[in-house]
Amino acid sequence: MFSNKNSKQKSEALKKILDRKGIISMPGCFDALSAKLIEREGIEVGFMSGFSVSSTKLGMPDTGLISFAEMLEQVKNISNATSIPFIFDGDTGYGNSVNVYRTVRGYANAGAAGVMIEDQKWPKKCGHTKGKDVVDIEEAKSRIKAAVDASNQNNKDILVMARTDAIATRGLDDAIKRMQIFSEIGADILFIEAIKTKEDMKRVIKEVPGYHMINLIEDGDTPFIDMKELEDIGYKIAVMPLTLMSASVKTMQECLKNMKNKTYNKNVSKFSELREIVGFNEYYDIEDKYK
């Protein structure tokens, strides 16, 4: 019911998973309940999407409206509810390089196995929407350097994923150059957002060494390619950050239509299953111990 694994244990577990052969299929969560479902399914690693947290916590778009404190609270909730490693969206680090350092340390202290830091200008935006741009390479380099230094403060108790959105406004050449710099600085995982073709994917893997992540969003800019083919291209992680939230929204809409039409919903979890998932049985065991 209450996780006792700290960020160091979780980051070490994440590193072992990365070092294993084969691609990692990584679902995205948005709260402690969705994170618990990922772990209950036997999946070894998950991702907390900033888009999903902004949508579910604030009911607002992923356009820089959510704060560091609000994101950190969700990191704590998810980390406390689970024992598997999760990578958490750290957006731009919420300020200058000192803010990036604080964000990474805050996430590590909250139990995160990994943190993603990106090079967008503020206010940042979802990588598959319009209106985004990136900072210059030197500022981007400074952010990732601060993130890597922060990750090393406590003997590498959190891994750093470096993300660039440069492909949208400055082209693939610039995006690859940034990834090469981020890799040299010491980023553990590399991520070029919104890549559009297999040919571009192959070029990225060929020209930039390291563990690469690809972002798969239903109806997004990046084409859904068979997992085996993504693995053959050279990707290590295929993240589906919005799938669980999208499925939840669709199911809730269907349920609401049924209620509006005064019809009961049959395709829902039984109350007994729901109680078990959220931890009633474990709670009762603890309660009984102190009676």
Protein backbone atom coordinates (compact mmCIF):
# COMPACT_ATOMS: atom_id res chain seq x y z
CA MET A 1 0.00 0.00 0.00
CA PHE A 2 2.85 2.35 0.81
CA SER A 3 5.93 2.05 -1.42
CA ASN A 4 9.31 1.82 0.32
CA LYS A 5 11.59 2.00 -2.71
CA ASN A 6 13.56 5.22 -3.05
CA SER A 7 14.72 6.90 -6.25
CA LYS A 8 18.13 5.23 -6.13
CA GLN A 9 16.60 1.76 -6.12
CA LYS A 10 14.20 2.74 -8.87
CA SER A 11 16.85 4.38 -11.05
CA GLU A 12 19.03 1.28 -10.73
CA ALA A 13 16.07 -0.88 -11.73
CA LEU A 14 15.43 1.38 -14.72
CA LYS A 15 19.08 1.16 -15.80
CA LYS A 16 18.95 -2.65 -15.68
CA ILE A 17 15.82 -2.64 -17.84
CA LEU A 18 17.51 -0.31 -20.36
CA ASP A 19 20.58 -2.54 -20.47
CA ARG A 20 18.52 -5.60 -21.36
CA LYS A 21 18.00 -6.66 -24.96
CA GLY A 22 14.78 -5.64 -26.65
CA ILE A 23 12.49 -2.62 -26.92
CA ILE A 24 10.52 -1.38 -23.92
CA SER A 25 6.80 -0.70 -24.38
CA MET A 26 6.14 2.07 -21.86
CA PRO A 27 2.60 3.26 -21.02
CA GLY A 28 1.89 6.74 -19.76
CA CYS A 29 0.03 7.41 -16.53
CA PHE A 30 -1.55 10.58 -15.16
CA ASP A 31 -2.18 9.84 -11.48
CA ALA A 32 -1.51 7.30 -8.76
CA LEU A 33 -4.43 5.07 -9.77
CA SER A 34 -3.38 4.78 -13.42
CA ALA A 35 0.20 4.16 -12.26
CA LYS A 36 -0.97 1.36 -9.95
CA LEU A 37 -2.82 -0.25 -12.86
CA ILE A 38 0.38 -0.24 -14.91
CA GLU A 39 2.23 -2.04 -12.13
CA ARG A 40 -0.63 -4.49 -11.47
CA GLU A 41 -0.53 -5.50 -15.13
CA GLY A 42 3.06 -6.68 -14.64
CA ILE A 43 4.59 -3.89 -16.73
CA GLU A 44 8.07 -3.01 -15.48
CA VAL A 45 8.33 0.71 -16.20
CA GLY A 46 6.00 3.65 -16.83
CA PHE A 47 5.98 7.32 -17.78
CA MET A 48 4.12 10.31 -16.31
CA SER A 49 2.96 12.58 -19.11
CA GLY A 50 2.76 16.33 -18.52
CA PHE A 51 -0.06 16.56 -21.07
CA SER A 52 -2.07 14.01 -19.07
CA VAL A 53 -1.38 15.63 -15.70
CA SER A 54 -2.31 19.09 -16.96
CA SER A 55 -5.47 17.65 -18.51
CA THR A 56 -6.61 15.63 -15.50
CA LYS A 57 -5.36 17.77 -12.63
CA LEU A 58 -6.25 21.19 -14.05
CA GLY A 59 -8.58 20.39 -16.93
CA MET A 60 -6.29 22.59 -19.03
CA PRO A 61 -4.06 22.08 -22.09
CA ASP A 62 -0.35 21.29 -21.97
CA THR A 63 0.75 24.85 -22.71
CA GLY A 64 2.92 25.73 -19.72
CA LEU A 65 -0.01 26.37 -17.38
CA ILE A 66 0.88 23.73 -14.81
CA SER A 67 3.54 24.58 -12.23
CA PHE A 68 6.56 22.75 -10.83
CA ALA A 69 4.82 22.35 -7.46
CA GLU A 70 1.74 20.79 -9.05
CA MET A 71 3.84 18.38 -11.10
CA LEU A 72 6.01 17.50 -8.11
CA GLU A 73 2.92 16.62 -6.07
CA GLN A 74 1.90 14.15 -8.75
CA VAL A 75 5.43 12.69 -8.83
CA LYS A 76 5.20 12.08 -5.08
CA ASN A 77 1.75 10.51 -5.30
CA ILE A 78 2.73 8.14 -8.09
CA SER A 79 6.06 7.21 -6.51
CA ASN A 80 4.41 6.50 -3.14
CA ALA A 81 1.75 4.29 -4.75
CA THR A 82 4.11 2.13 -6.83
CA SER A 83 7.36 0.21 -6.58
CA ILE A 84 8.33 0.02 -10.27
CA PRO A 85 10.44 2.77 -11.89
CA PHE A 86 8.71 5.69 -13.59
CA ILE A 87 10.14 8.42 -15.80
CA PHE A 88 8.50 11.78 -15.12
CA ASP A 89 7.98 14.78 -17.38
CA GLY A 90 10.02 17.73 -16.06
CA ASP A 91 9.06 20.04 -18.95
CA THR A 92 11.72 22.76 -19.42
CA GLY A 93 12.76 22.63 -15.76
CA TYR A 94 10.52 25.64 -15.00
CA GLY A 95 13.07 28.40 -15.39
CA ASN A 96 16.81 28.80 -15.89
CA SER A 97 19.46 26.14 -15.34
CA VAL A 98 19.31 26.57 -11.56
CA ASN A 99 15.58 25.81 -11.75
CA VAL A 100 16.39 22.74 -13.84
CA TYR A 101 18.80 21.59 -11.13
CA ARG A 102 16.11 22.09 -8.48
CA THR A 103 13.50 20.26 -10.58
CA VAL A 104 15.72 17.21 -11.04
CA ARG A 105 16.63 17.08 -7.34
CA GLY A 106 12.99 17.57 -6.38
CA TYR A 107 11.90 14.68 -8.58
CA ALA A 108 14.70 12.45 -7.28
CA ASN A 109 13.82 13.20 -3.68
CA ALA A 110 10.19 12.38 -4.49
CA GLY A 111 11.10 8.89 -5.75
CA ALA A 112 11.44 9.34 -9.52
CA ALA A 113 13.61 6.89 -11.46
CA GLY A 114 14.02 9.30 -14.36
CA VAL A 115 13.19 12.85 -15.43
CA MET A 116 12.68 14.32 -18.91
CA ILE A 117 14.01 17.83 -19.57
CA GLU A 118 13.30 19.55 -22.89
CA ASP A 119 14.63 22.50 -24.88
CA GLN A 120 11.42 24.35 -25.70
CA LYS A 121 10.90 28.06 -25.16
CA TRP A 122 8.46 28.99 -22.42
CA PRO A 123 5.53 28.62 -22.40
CA LYS A 124 6.20 25.10 -23.60
CA LYS A 125 3.55 23.19 -25.54
CA CYS A 126 2.66 19.60 -26.29
CA GLY A 127 5.14 18.32 -28.86
CA HIS A 128 2.41 17.34 -31.33
CA THR A 129 0.65 20.73 -31.37
CA LYS A 130 1.33 24.06 -33.07
CA GLY A 131 3.10 27.16 -31.77
CA LYS A 132 6.18 25.63 -30.16
CA ASP A 133 9.81 26.66 -30.61
CA VAL A 134 13.14 25.84 -28.98
CA VAL A 135 15.82 27.86 -27.21
CA ASP A 136 19.26 28.23 -28.80
CA ILE A 137 21.69 25.35 -28.54
CA GLU A 138 23.81 26.96 -25.82
CA GLU A 139 20.84 27.45 -23.51
CA ALA A 140 19.61 23.94 -24.26
CA LYS A 141 23.08 22.59 -23.47
CA SER A 142 23.09 24.50 -20.17
CA ARG A 143 19.76 22.95 -19.16
CA ILE A 144 20.89 19.39 -19.83
CA LYS A 145 24.26 20.00 -18.14
CA ALA A 146 22.43 21.21 -15.01
CA ALA A 147 20.13 18.17 -15.14
CA VAL A 148 23.04 15.74 -15.46
CA ASP A 149 24.94 17.46 -12.64
CA ALA A 150 21.84 17.27 -10.42
CA SER A 151 21.43 13.58 -11.25
CA ASN A 152 25.01 12.94 -10.13
CA GLN A 153 24.66 14.79 -6.82
CA ASN A 154 23.57 11.67 -4.96
CA ASN A 155 25.49 9.02 -6.88
CA LYS A 156 23.18 8.91 -9.89
CA ASP A 157 19.88 8.43 -8.05
CA ILE A 158 17.87 9.56 -11.09
CA LEU A 159 18.36 9.16 -14.85
CA VAL A 160 18.07 12.07 -17.29
CA MET A 161 16.13 11.96 -20.53
CA ALA A 162 17.08 14.84 -22.84
CA ARG A 163 14.39 15.92 -25.28
CA THR A 164 14.50 18.25 -28.26
CA ASP A 165 11.57 19.68 -30.22
CA ALA A 166 13.90 21.28 -32.77
CA ILE A 167 12.75 19.11 -35.65
CA ALA A 168 9.50 21.11 -35.92
CA THR A 169 11.01 24.57 -36.41
CA ARG A 170 14.72 24.08 -37.15
CA GLY A 171 14.83 20.75 -38.93
CA LEU A 172 16.31 17.31 -38.42
CA ASP A 173 19.95 18.41 -38.76
CA ASP A 174 19.60 20.78 -35.82
CA ALA A 175 17.73 18.15 -33.77
CA ILE A 176 20.49 15.60 -34.38
CA LYS A 177 23.19 18.12 -33.46
CA ARG A 178 21.40 18.79 -30.17
CA MET A 179 21.09 15.08 -29.43
CA GLN A 180 24.80 14.58 -30.09
CA ILE A 181 25.60 17.39 -27.63
CA PHE A 182 23.18 16.03 -25.01
CA SER A 183 24.70 12.57 -25.36
CA GLU A 184 28.23 13.95 -24.88
CA ILE A 185 27.11 15.86 -21.78
CA GLY A 186 25.89 12.63 -20.22
CA ALA A 187 22.14 12.32 -20.81
CA ASP A 188 21.05 8.73 -20.19
CA ILE A 189 18.14 8.64 -22.66
CA LEU A 190 17.66 10.66 -25.86
CA PHE A 191 14.39 11.79 -27.37
CA ILE A 192 13.66 13.70 -30.56
CA GLU A 193 9.99 14.67 -30.43
CA ALA A 194 7.52 14.39 -33.33
CA ILE A 195 9.76 12.56 -35.78
CA LYS A 196 7.72 11.82 -38.90
CA THR A 197 9.34 9.17 -41.11
CA LYS A 198 11.16 5.86 -40.86
CA GLU A 199 14.05 7.31 -42.83
CA ASP A 200 14.49 10.10 -40.27
CA MET A 201 14.29 7.56 -37.44
CA LYS A 202 17.04 5.46 -39.00
CA ARG A 203 19.25 8.50 -39.50
CA VAL A 204 18.87 9.57 -35.87
CA ILE A 205 19.82 6.14 -34.56
CA LYS A 206 22.77 5.95 -36.94
CA GLU A 207 24.20 9.37 -36.09
CA VAL A 208 23.56 9.57 -32.34
CA PRO A 209 24.74 6.82 -29.97
CA GLY A 210 22.72 5.93 -26.90
CA TYR A 211 19.30 4.81 -25.73
CA HIS A 212 16.57 6.46 -27.81
CA MET A 213 12.88 6.92 -27.04
CA ILE A 214 10.09 7.38 -29.56
CA ASN A 215 6.75 8.98 -28.67
CA LEU A 216 3.61 7.32 -30.05
CA ILE A 217 0.41 9.36 -29.78
CA GLU A 218 -2.82 8.23 -31.40
CA ASP A 219 -3.45 10.62 -34.33
CA GLY A 220 -0.14 12.38 -33.59
CA ASP A 221 2.70 13.38 -35.93
CA THR A 222 4.80 10.21 -35.49
CA PRO A 223 3.53 7.17 -37.39
CA PHE A 224 2.68 4.02 -35.42
CA ILE A 225 5.18 1.41 -36.57
CA ASP A 226 5.25 -2.22 -35.47
CA MET A 227 7.25 -2.62 -32.24
CA LYS A 228 9.57 -5.19 -33.80
CA GLU A 229 10.40 -2.78 -36.61
CA LEU A 230 11.06 0.04 -34.14
CA GLU A 231 13.39 -2.32 -32.28
CA ASP A 232 15.15 -3.25 -35.52
CA ILE A 233 15.62 0.45 -36.32
CA GLY A 234 17.33 0.81 -32.95
CA TYR A 235 14.83 2.36 -30.53
CA LYS A 236 15.00 1.30 -26.91
CA ILE A 237 11.74 2.79 -25.62
CA ALA A 238 8.35 3.21 -27.28
CA VAL A 239 6.22 5.37 -25.01
CA MET A 240 2.44 5.68 -25.37
CA PRO A 241 1.88 8.68 -23.10
CA LEU A 242 -1.79 9.46 -23.73
CA THR A 243 -3.34 6.06 -24.45
CA LEU A 244 -4.63 5.39 -20.92
CA MET A 245 -6.03 8.90 -20.56
CA SER A 246 -7.62 8.77 -24.02
CA ALA A 247 -9.22 5.41 -23.20
CA SER A 248 -10.49 6.80 -19.89
CA VAL A 249 -12.02 9.84 -21.56
CA LYS A 250 -13.76 7.74 -24.21
CA THR A 251 -15.14 5.32 -21.60
CA MET A 252 -16.35 8.15 -19.36
CA GLN A 253 -18.10 9.82 -22.30
CA GLU A 254 -19.89 6.57 -23.13
CA CYS A 255 -20.91 6.08 -19.50
CA LEU A 256 -22.21 9.63 -19.25
CA LYS A 257 -24.30 9.17 -22.39
CA ASN A 258 -25.83 6.05 -20.85
CA MET A 259 -26.61 7.91 -17.62
CA LYS A 260 -28.07 10.81 -19.57
CA ASN A 261 -30.33 8.29 -21.32
CA LYS A 262 -31.21 6.72 -17.94
CA THR A 263 -29.38 3.49 -18.84
CA TYR A 264 -27.07 1.60 -16.50
CA ASN A 265 -23.43 1.00 -17.44
CA LYS A 266 -22.47 -2.65 -17.67
CA ASN A 267 -18.90 -2.39 -18.96
CA VAL A 268 -17.32 -1.11 -15.73
CA SER A 269 -15.22 -2.65 -12.98
CA LYS A 270 -17.03 -4.43 -10.20
CA PHE A 271 -17.02 -2.61 -6.88
CA SER A 272 -15.05 -5.48 -5.33
CA GLU A 273 -12.36 -5.11 -8.02
CA LEU A 274 -12.25 -1.37 -7.51
CA ARG A 275 -11.83 -1.76 -3.76
CA GLU A 276 -8.94 -4.15 -4.29
CA ILE A 277 -7.19 -1.92 -6.82
CA VAL A 278 -7.25 1.18 -4.62
CA GLY A 279 -6.00 -0.79 -1.61
CA PHE A 280 -8.91 -1.45 0.74
CA ASN A 281 -7.71 -4.98 1.54
CA GLU A 282 -4.24 -3.79 2.49
CA TYR A 283 -5.77 -0.97 4.52
CA TYR A 284 -7.92 -3.40 6.48
CA ASP A 285 -4.87 -5.58 7.20
CA ILE A 286 -3.02 -2.59 8.64
CA GLU A 287 -6.11 -1.43 10.54
CA ASP A 288 -6.62 -4.88 12.08
CA LYS A 289 -3.02 -4.91 13.28
CA TYR A 290 -3.61 -1.93 15.55
CA LYS A 291 -7.02 -2.84 16.94
